[in-house]
Amino acid sequence: MTTTTITPAPHRLLGDHTWQGEAVCHNTEYNPVDPEIFFPEPDETDKITAAKSLCGQCPVRRACLDAALEGGDTDGIRGGLTEEERGPLHKKLAHRFDYSRVNATIAGRDVHLTTAERRAVVHAAYRHGVTEQRLAWLLKITEEHAQKLYREIRRALRNRDLPQNAETITSPATDGEHLGRDDFGTAA
């Protein structure tokens, strides 16, 4: 019988640059790489092809792309993509939602989160009974802010359970007829 091991997604921690030492483009004595090939002009297709082929072999390509997107780096070839190819990803970054990033944060890792992912962390923490102090530590916010976020969640859950369409109350004197605005008259 074979067993399968599922390893967690290797998300780059905030401020972590250790992945750069594992990059194929990292210039060493035994691996001389010209950094200029990663900053080609648009018409230099040979440099673009060479840089992309190096990125295709790189074990930390995803971390490189994440660092470029999260850092707002728009120059050169990063993570195997040119400036033009990364452009739409930069625009969509604020809307990115990766639940493995949420899980990594709940587990205590310091991962860069989008606004949607931060909201999901708050919801998941509330559902799993994470204390306000722990939530504050996870999101790098004050305990008061964590308390406010939990109050908002409780209110949203409470309001979600309320019926959306309040039924019209009929008066016994109207024999089941619905009262309209004109039936009430004006105040004296």
Protein backbone atom coordinates (compact mmCIF):
# COMPACT_ATOMS: atom_id res chain seq x y z
CA MET A 1 0.00 0.00 0.00
CA THR A 2 1.37 3.40 -0.94
CA THR A 3 1.00 6.47 1.18
CA THR A 4 0.74 10.01 -0.01
CA THR A 5 2.19 12.89 1.92
CA ILE A 6 0.73 16.30 1.35
CA THR A 7 3.20 19.03 2.16
CA PRO A 8 1.98 22.54 2.93
CA ALA A 9 2.35 25.21 0.30
CA PRO A 10 5.75 26.89 0.74
CA HIS A 11 4.60 30.46 1.22
CA ARG A 12 7.25 33.09 1.62
CA LEU A 13 7.18 34.74 5.02
CA LEU A 14 7.10 38.51 5.35
CA GLY A 15 10.62 39.90 5.04
CA ASP A 16 12.05 36.47 4.14
CA HIS A 17 14.71 36.62 1.45
CA THR A 18 16.40 33.29 2.14
CA TRP A 19 14.76 31.82 -0.95
CA GLN A 20 17.05 33.98 -3.12
CA GLY A 21 20.03 31.78 -2.26
CA GLU A 22 18.27 28.81 -3.88
CA ALA A 23 17.40 30.70 -7.07
CA VAL A 24 18.93 29.52 -10.34
CA CYS A 25 19.71 33.14 -11.22
CA HIS A 26 21.79 33.57 -8.05
CA ASN A 27 25.30 34.37 -9.29
CA THR A 28 27.96 32.18 -7.64
CA GLU A 29 31.49 31.07 -8.44
CA TYR A 30 30.16 27.79 -9.86
CA ASN A 31 27.06 29.26 -11.47
CA PRO A 32 28.00 32.49 -13.25
CA VAL A 33 24.80 34.25 -14.34
CA ASP A 34 24.69 37.63 -16.03
CA PRO A 35 21.95 39.60 -14.24
CA GLU A 36 21.49 41.77 -17.34
CA ILE A 37 19.58 38.98 -19.11
CA PHE A 38 16.73 39.53 -16.62
CA PHE A 39 16.36 43.17 -17.68
CA PRO A 40 16.09 42.98 -21.47
CA GLU A 41 14.65 45.55 -23.83
CA PRO A 42 11.32 44.50 -25.39
CA ASP A 43 12.99 43.63 -28.71
CA GLU A 44 15.77 41.49 -27.17
CA THR A 45 14.01 38.15 -27.62
CA ASP A 46 17.22 36.13 -27.11
CA LYS A 47 17.71 37.56 -23.60
CA ILE A 48 14.00 37.03 -22.79
CA THR A 49 14.19 33.40 -23.93
CA ALA A 50 17.40 32.77 -21.95
CA ALA A 51 15.98 34.34 -18.79
CA LYS A 52 12.70 32.42 -19.06
CA SER A 53 14.55 29.13 -19.61
CA LEU A 54 16.54 29.73 -16.39
CA CYS A 55 13.33 30.59 -14.53
CA GLY A 56 11.76 27.37 -15.84
CA GLN A 57 14.41 25.37 -13.95
CA CYS A 58 14.20 27.38 -10.74
CA PRO A 59 12.93 25.68 -7.55
CA VAL A 60 11.86 29.01 -6.00
CA ARG A 61 10.09 30.45 -9.02
CA ARG A 62 6.80 30.86 -7.14
CA ALA A 63 8.47 32.69 -4.25
CA CYS A 64 10.21 34.98 -6.74
CA LEU A 65 6.93 35.79 -8.48
CA ASP A 66 5.16 36.38 -5.15
CA ALA A 67 7.96 38.68 -4.01
CA ALA A 68 7.76 40.67 -7.25
CA LEU A 69 3.98 41.00 -7.02
CA GLU A 70 3.80 41.76 -3.30
CA GLY A 71 6.70 44.20 -3.50
CA GLY A 72 5.26 46.00 -6.52
CA ASP A 73 8.36 45.18 -8.59
CA THR A 74 7.48 45.96 -12.20
CA ASP A 75 10.96 45.83 -13.78
CA GLY A 76 12.62 42.87 -15.45
CA ILE A 77 11.78 39.20 -15.64
CA ARG A 78 10.73 37.80 -12.26
CA GLY A 79 9.22 34.41 -11.54
CA GLY A 80 9.44 33.48 -15.21
CA LEU A 81 7.22 36.35 -16.36
CA THR A 82 8.06 39.55 -18.18
CA GLU A 83 6.93 42.99 -17.05
CA GLU A 84 4.01 42.87 -19.48
CA GLU A 85 2.95 39.38 -18.36
CA ARG A 86 3.01 40.41 -14.69
CA GLY A 87 0.99 43.57 -15.32
CA PRO A 88 -2.47 41.93 -15.07
CA LEU A 89 -1.33 39.97 -12.01
CA HIS A 90 -0.32 43.20 -10.26
CA LYS A 91 -3.82 44.56 -10.87
CA LYS A 92 -5.48 41.37 -9.57
CA LEU A 93 -3.24 40.96 -6.51
CA ALA A 94 -5.59 42.79 -4.15
CA HIS A 95 -8.34 40.30 -5.06
CA ARG A 96 -6.18 37.19 -4.70
CA PHE A 97 -7.66 34.56 -2.41
CA ASP A 98 -5.60 31.51 -1.60
CA TYR A 99 -7.01 29.49 1.28
CA SER A 100 -3.65 27.80 1.86
CA ARG A 101 -2.31 31.26 2.82
CA VAL A 102 -5.20 31.62 5.27
CA ASN A 103 -4.42 28.21 6.80
CA ALA A 104 -0.73 29.07 7.02
CA THR A 105 -1.58 32.26 8.89
CA ILE A 106 -3.90 30.44 11.32
CA ALA A 107 -1.04 27.99 11.91
CA GLY A 108 1.15 30.91 12.96
CA ARG A 109 3.17 31.67 9.82
CA ASP A 110 3.74 35.31 8.92
CA VAL A 111 2.42 35.30 5.35
CA HIS A 112 1.59 38.32 3.19
CA LEU A 113 -2.23 38.47 2.97
CA THR A 114 -4.65 40.34 0.76
CA THR A 115 -7.70 42.05 2.24
CA ALA A 116 -9.94 39.11 1.30
CA GLU A 117 -7.49 36.66 2.88
CA ARG A 118 -7.34 38.74 6.07
CA ARG A 119 -11.15 38.63 6.33
CA ALA A 120 -11.03 34.86 5.84
CA VAL A 121 -8.44 34.56 8.63
CA VAL A 122 -10.79 36.44 10.98
CA HIS A 123 -13.72 34.17 10.03
CA ALA A 124 -11.67 30.99 10.36
CA ALA A 125 -10.19 32.12 13.69
CA TYR A 126 -13.66 32.90 15.03
CA ARG A 127 -15.06 29.54 13.88
CA HIS A 128 -12.16 27.66 15.45
CA GLY A 129 -12.32 29.53 18.76
CA VAL A 130 -9.03 31.36 18.42
CA THR A 131 -8.71 33.92 21.20
CA GLU A 132 -8.71 37.63 20.47
CA GLN A 133 -5.14 37.87 21.75
CA ARG A 134 -3.99 35.18 19.33
CA LEU A 135 -5.87 36.81 16.43
CA ALA A 136 -4.19 40.10 17.26
CA TRP A 137 -0.80 38.38 17.19
CA LEU A 138 -1.56 36.57 13.92
CA LEU A 139 -2.67 39.71 12.08
CA LYS A 140 -0.22 42.10 13.79
CA ILE A 141 -3.04 44.28 15.12
CA THR A 142 -4.06 45.49 18.57
CA GLU A 143 -6.26 43.39 20.83
CA GLU A 144 -8.91 46.11 20.66
CA HIS A 145 -8.99 45.83 16.90
CA ALA A 146 -9.27 42.03 17.17
CA GLN A 147 -12.20 42.46 19.57
CA LYS A 148 -13.86 44.81 17.08
CA LEU A 149 -13.39 42.29 14.26
CA TYR A 150 -14.96 39.53 16.37
CA ARG A 151 -17.89 41.81 17.27
CA GLU A 152 -18.46 42.47 13.57
CA ILE A 153 -18.42 38.73 12.85
CA ARG A 154 -20.90 38.00 15.65
CA ARG A 155 -23.18 40.77 14.39
CA ALA A 156 -22.98 39.51 10.81
CA LEU A 157 -23.77 35.95 11.87
CA ARG A 158 -26.66 37.11 14.04
CA ASN A 159 -28.09 39.26 11.23
CA ARG A 160 -27.67 36.46 8.73
CA ASP A 161 -30.00 34.30 10.82
CA LEU A 162 -32.75 36.94 10.87
CA PRO A 163 -35.52 36.59 8.28
CA GLN A 164 -34.84 38.86 5.32
CA ASN A 165 -38.46 39.63 4.40
CA ALA A 166 -40.52 40.76 7.35
CA GLU A 167 -44.10 39.65 6.84
CA THR A 168 -46.74 42.32 6.68
CA ILE A 169 -48.78 42.48 9.87
CA THR A 170 -52.49 42.57 9.22
CA SER A 171 -55.01 44.05 11.58
CA PRO A 172 -58.01 41.94 12.56
CA ALA A 173 -60.21 44.94 11.73
CA THR A 174 -59.12 44.93 8.05
CA ASP A 175 -60.15 41.31 7.44
CA GLY A 176 -56.78 40.33 6.03
CA GLU A 177 -56.36 43.37 3.79
CA HIS A 178 -52.89 44.88 3.75
CA LEU A 179 -52.61 48.43 4.94
CA GLY A 180 -50.92 50.94 2.67
CA ARG A 181 -49.30 54.27 3.34
CA ASP A 182 -52.46 56.22 2.62
CA ASP A 183 -54.46 54.26 5.21
CA PHE A 184 -52.75 55.96 8.15
CA GLY A 185 -53.55 59.65 7.59
CA THR A 186 -51.51 62.49 9.03
CA ALA A 187 -50.60 63.34 12.58
CA ALA A 188 -52.75 66.04 14.20
